Protein backbone atom coordinates (compact mmCIF):
# COMPACT_ATOMS: atom_id res chain seq x y z
CA LEU A 1 -7.58 -7.60 25.59
CA TRP A 2 -11.30 -8.42 25.60
CA GLY A 3 -10.64 -12.10 25.02
CA GLY A 4 -8.46 -12.06 28.13
CA TRP A 5 -11.21 -10.35 30.08
CA ALA A 6 -13.73 -12.94 28.89
CA TYR A 7 -11.39 -15.73 29.99
CA TYR A 8 -10.87 -14.16 33.40
CA ILE A 9 -14.55 -13.53 34.12
CA ASN A 10 -15.56 -17.05 33.02
CA THR A 11 -12.71 -19.16 34.47
CA ASP A 12 -14.95 -20.67 37.13
CA ASN A 13 -16.33 -22.99 34.45
CA SER A 14 -13.40 -25.10 33.18
CA HIS A 15 -13.34 -24.96 29.37
CA GLN A 16 -16.05 -22.28 29.05
CA GLY A 17 -13.53 -19.56 29.94
CA PHE A 18 -11.42 -20.51 26.94
CA ILE A 19 -14.41 -20.69 24.61
CA ALA A 20 -15.71 -17.32 25.86
CA ALA A 21 -12.25 -15.83 25.27
CA LEU A 22 -12.18 -17.11 21.68
CA VAL A 23 -15.69 -15.84 20.98
CA GLN A 24 -15.00 -12.43 22.50
CA GLY A 25 -11.59 -12.03 20.88
CA CYS A 26 -12.88 -12.87 17.40
CA ALA A 27 -16.02 -10.80 17.85
CA SER A 28 -14.03 -7.80 19.07
CA PHE A 29 -11.85 -7.90 15.96
CA PHE A 30 -14.79 -7.96 13.57
CA ILE A 31 -16.87 -5.51 15.59
CA THR A 32 -14.06 -2.94 15.52
CA LEU A 33 -13.96 -3.15 11.73
CA PHE A 34 -17.75 -2.95 11.51
CA MET A 35 -18.08 0.00 13.89
CA ILE A 36 -16.15 2.50 11.78
CA GLY A 37 -18.22 1.77 8.69
CA SER A 38 -21.50 1.64 10.57
CA ILE A 39 -20.98 4.90 12.43
CA ASN A 40 -19.90 6.60 9.23
CA TRP A 41 -22.94 5.25 7.37
CA PHE A 42 -25.44 6.37 10.03
CA PHE A 43 -23.67 9.72 10.47
CA LYS A 44 -24.05 10.59 6.79
CA ARG A 45 -27.77 9.73 6.78
CA LEU A 46 -28.91 11.60 9.87
CA PRO A 47 -29.65 15.31 10.15
CA GLY A 48 -27.04 17.46 11.90
CA GLY A 49 -27.00 18.36 15.53
CA PHE A 50 -27.49 16.21 18.59
CA LYS A 51 -29.09 13.30 16.69
CA GLN A 52 -26.15 13.06 14.33
CA MET A 53 -23.72 12.95 17.24
CA LEU A 54 -25.48 10.37 19.42
CA LEU A 55 -27.63 8.11 17.25
CA PRO A 56 -24.88 6.57 15.07
CA THR A 57 -23.15 5.36 18.22
CA LEU A 58 -26.37 4.13 19.85
CA TYR A 59 -27.46 2.25 16.72
CA THR A 60 -24.05 0.70 16.21
CA VAL A 61 -23.63 -0.37 19.83
CA ALA A 62 -27.16 -1.83 19.80
CA ILE A 63 -26.29 -3.92 16.74
CA THR A 64 -22.96 -5.07 18.16
CA SER A 65 -24.53 -5.79 21.56
CA SER A 66 -27.10 -8.04 19.93
CA PHE A 67 -24.38 -9.84 18.02
CA LEU A 68 -22.30 -10.33 21.17
CA ILE A 69 -25.22 -11.56 23.25
CA LEU A 70 -26.22 -14.04 20.56
CA SER A 71 -22.62 -15.22 20.03
CA HIS A 72 -22.03 -15.79 23.73
CA TRP A 73 -25.44 -17.41 24.17
CA ILE A 74 -24.65 -19.88 21.37
CA ALA A 75 -21.22 -20.53 22.92
CA GLN A 76 -22.92 -21.05 26.31
CA THR A 77 -20.82 -18.41 28.05
CA PRO A 78 -21.81 -18.53 31.72
CA HIS A 79 -21.45 -14.81 32.55
CA ILE A 80 -22.59 -13.02 29.41
CA LEU A 81 -23.45 -9.64 30.92
CA GLU A 82 -20.20 -9.45 32.88
CA THR A 83 -18.26 -10.55 29.80
CA ILE A 84 -19.66 -7.97 27.37
CA SER A 85 -20.30 -4.93 29.60
CA PRO A 86 -16.75 -3.50 29.69
CA PRO A 87 -16.18 -3.90 25.92
CA LEU A 88 -19.55 -2.26 25.20
CA VAL A 89 -18.73 0.73 27.42
CA VAL A 90 -15.44 1.17 25.55
CA ALA A 91 -17.24 0.69 22.22
CA PHE A 92 -19.74 3.39 23.16
CA LEU A 93 -16.96 5.83 24.08
CA PHE A 94 -15.08 4.93 20.89
CA GLY A 95 -18.27 5.56 18.90
CA LEU A 96 -18.75 8.98 20.47
CA TYR A 97 -15.14 9.86 19.70
CA THR A 98 -15.58 8.68 16.11
CA THR A 99 -18.71 10.78 15.59
CA TYR A 100 -16.91 13.75 17.13
CA LYS A 101 -14.07 13.33 14.62
CA LEU A 102 -16.57 12.94 11.75
CA ARG A 103 -18.38 16.10 12.85
CA LYS A 104 -15.12 17.99 13.09
CA GLU A 105 -14.11 16.79 9.61
CA PHE A 106 -17.57 17.62 8.25
CA ASN A 107 -17.39 21.17 9.64
CA ASN A 108 -13.95 21.72 8.07
CA GLU A 109 -15.20 20.91 4.58
């Protein structure tokens, strides 16, 4: 999905759309795997309450954002911000949902 978006948003530059799609598609796969572990790791190390619900997601999205920006910069993606913004919004919402589920599981124990 996100590779297709990257291709679409960068098609004005011949082969760069294809390269951006490959970078984004591969990055999205690995980032999804990383996010679960990262959010879980931060969640377990932070005190309860608001910080425990928000900070794991913020930290994880900050790390993945940096990785995406660097990856697309190296690949010379023409429209980096437009390419990564939608996936990062979805990643942030996914992170909040994941911390909500962790909190719910933690409270049931």
